[in-house]
Amino acid sequence: MPKYLDAHKMSGFDEASLRRAKDSPKDEFGVTHNDILYNKEEDKLYCILDAPDKESVEKHHHKFGIKCDWITEVKSVS
């Protein structure tokens, strides 16, 4: 499955809610979290997701009222 990296504002998420999001099962758009990175001081969140396509990533975030600054498909060496 393709892997995507995206960036957006933290939108009030705290570390506990980010952990729950990371551990959540695949959603109705086929999206699962590999990792979530954040910088509270810069109000930035970076998601590493498995998703069928970029549109699924957009729908996944839209469900939570989040608009991504950018989304890009990435590859992993692991």
C-alpha atoms as a PDB file:
ATOM      1  CA  MET A   1       0.000   0.000   0.000  1.00  0.00           C
ATOM      2  CA  PRO A   2       1.328   3.495  -0.755  1.00  0.00           C
ATOM      3  CA  LYS A   3       2.771   5.562   2.092  1.00  0.00           C
ATOM      4  CA  TYR A   4       2.099   9.302   2.518  1.00  0.00           C
ATOM      5  CA  LEU A   5       3.575  12.103   4.586  1.00  0.00           C
ATOM      6  CA  ASP A   6       1.493  15.170   5.375  1.00  0.00           C
ATOM      7  CA  ALA A   7       1.754  18.324   7.467  1.00  0.00           C
ATOM      8  CA  HIS A   8      -0.867  20.442   9.206  1.00  0.00           C
ATOM      9  CA  LYS A   9      -1.556  22.412  12.385  1.00  0.00           C
ATOM     10  CA  MET A  10      -1.892  20.445  15.630  1.00  0.00           C
ATOM     11  CA  SER A  11      -5.491  21.728  15.909  1.00  0.00           C
ATOM     12  CA  GLY A  12      -5.623  21.283  19.682  1.00  0.00           C
ATOM     13  CA  PHE A  13      -4.465  17.648  19.743  1.00  0.00           C
ATOM     14  CA  ASP A  14      -2.441  16.600  22.774  1.00  0.00           C
ATOM     15  CA  GLU A  15       0.011  13.710  23.009  1.00  0.00           C
ATOM     16  CA  ALA A  16      -2.589  11.292  24.419  1.00  0.00           C
ATOM     17  CA  SER A  17      -5.032  11.922  21.566  1.00  0.00           C
ATOM     18  CA  LEU A  18      -2.212  11.568  19.033  1.00  0.00           C
ATOM     19  CA  ARG A  19      -1.296   8.192  20.556  1.00  0.00           C
ATOM     20  CA  ARG A  20      -4.915   7.036  20.264  1.00  0.00           C
ATOM     21  CA  ALA A  21      -5.039   8.195  16.637  1.00  0.00           C
ATOM     22  CA  LYS A  22      -1.812   6.336  15.844  1.00  0.00           C
ATOM     23  CA  ASP A  23      -3.143   3.120  17.377  1.00  0.00           C
ATOM     24  CA  SER A  24      -6.574   3.342  15.742  1.00  0.00           C
ATOM     25  CA  PRO A  25      -7.623   0.717  13.189  1.00  0.00           C
ATOM     26  CA  LYS A  26      -7.916   1.316   9.453  1.00  0.00           C
ATOM     27  CA  ASP A  27     -10.665   3.863   8.785  1.00  0.00           C
ATOM     28  CA  GLU A  28     -13.453   3.828   6.190  1.00  0.00           C
ATOM     29  CA  PHE A  29     -11.065   5.428   3.648  1.00  0.00           C
ATOM     30  CA  GLY A  30      -8.467   2.653   4.068  1.00  0.00           C
ATOM     31  CA  VAL A  31      -6.058   4.905   6.011  1.00  0.00           C
ATOM     32  CA  THR A  32      -3.820   3.732   8.872  1.00  0.00           C
ATOM     33  CA  HIS A  33      -1.179   5.671  10.803  1.00  0.00           C
ATOM     34  CA  ASN A  34       2.437   4.513  10.761  1.00  0.00           C
ATOM     35  CA  ASP A  35       3.619   7.365  12.937  1.00  0.00           C
ATOM     36  CA  ILE A  36       2.691  10.870  14.032  1.00  0.00           C
ATOM     37  CA  LEU A  37       5.424  13.429  14.659  1.00  0.00           C
ATOM     38  CA  TYR A  38       4.766  16.828  16.201  1.00  0.00           C
ATOM     39  CA  ASN A  39       6.311  20.088  17.332  1.00  0.00           C
ATOM     40  CA  LYS A  40       4.065  21.779  19.891  1.00  0.00           C
ATOM     41  CA  GLU A  41       6.031  25.071  19.831  1.00  0.00           C
ATOM     42  CA  GLU A  42       5.536  25.386  16.053  1.00  0.00           C
ATOM     43  CA  ASP A  43       1.950  24.009  16.200  1.00  0.00           C
ATOM     44  CA  LYS A  44       2.887  21.438  13.534  1.00  0.00           C
ATOM     45  CA  LEU A  45       1.885  17.820  13.078  1.00  0.00           C
ATOM     46  CA  TYR A  46       3.382  15.395  10.548  1.00  0.00           C
ATOM     47  CA  CYS A  47       1.537  12.165   9.773  1.00  0.00           C
ATOM     48  CA  ILE A  48       3.045   9.111   8.115  1.00  0.00           C
ATOM     49  CA  LEU A  49       0.140   7.106   6.730  1.00  0.00           C
ATOM     50  CA  ASP A  50      -0.635   4.031   4.678  1.00  0.00           C
ATOM     51  CA  ALA A  51      -3.442   4.927   2.295  1.00  0.00           C
ATOM     52  CA  PRO A  52      -4.797   3.808  -1.068  1.00  0.00           C
ATOM     53  CA  ASP A  53      -4.271   7.286  -2.570  1.00  0.00           C
ATOM     54  CA  LYS A  54      -3.824  10.980  -1.807  1.00  0.00           C
ATOM     55  CA  GLU A  55      -7.586  11.598  -1.927  1.00  0.00           C
ATOM     56  CA  SER A  56      -8.077   9.079   0.905  1.00  0.00           C
ATOM     57  CA  VAL A  57      -5.571  11.003   3.025  1.00  0.00           C
ATOM     58  CA  GLU A  58      -7.491  14.236   2.351  1.00  0.00           C
ATOM     59  CA  LYS A  59     -10.816  12.592   3.271  1.00  0.00           C
ATOM     60  CA  HIS A  60      -9.292  11.100   6.435  1.00  0.00           C
ATOM     61  CA  HIS A  61      -8.192  14.536   7.645  1.00  0.00           C
ATOM     62  CA  HIS A  62     -11.358  16.301   6.479  1.00  0.00           C
ATOM     63  CA  LYS A  63     -13.356  13.953   8.730  1.00  0.00           C
ATOM     64  CA  PHE A  64     -11.628  15.670  11.690  1.00  0.00           C
ATOM     65  CA  GLY A  65     -11.938  19.191  10.264  1.00  0.00           C
ATOM     66  CA  ILE A  66      -8.250  19.321   9.299  1.00  0.00           C
ATOM     67  CA  LYS A  67      -6.849  20.766   6.076  1.00  0.00           C
ATOM     68  CA  CYS A  68      -3.326  19.594   5.265  1.00  0.00           C
ATOM     69  CA  ASP A  69      -0.678  22.124   4.242  1.00  0.00           C
ATOM     70  CA  TRP A  70       0.692  19.448   1.914  1.00  0.00           C
ATOM     71  CA  ILE A  71       0.550  15.710   1.230  1.00  0.00           C
ATOM     72  CA  THR A  72       3.227  13.738  -0.607  1.00  0.00           C
ATOM     73  CA  GLU A  73       3.720  10.079  -1.417  1.00  0.00           C
ATOM     74  CA  VAL A  74       6.933   8.699   0.103  1.00  0.00           C
ATOM     75  CA  LYS A  75       8.945   5.466   0.068  1.00  0.00           C
ATOM     76  CA  SER A  76      10.592   3.761   3.032  1.00  0.00           C
ATOM     77  CA  VAL A  77      13.855   1.820   3.248  1.00  0.00           C
ATOM     78  CA  SER A  78      12.594  -0.314   6.133  1.00  0.00           C
END
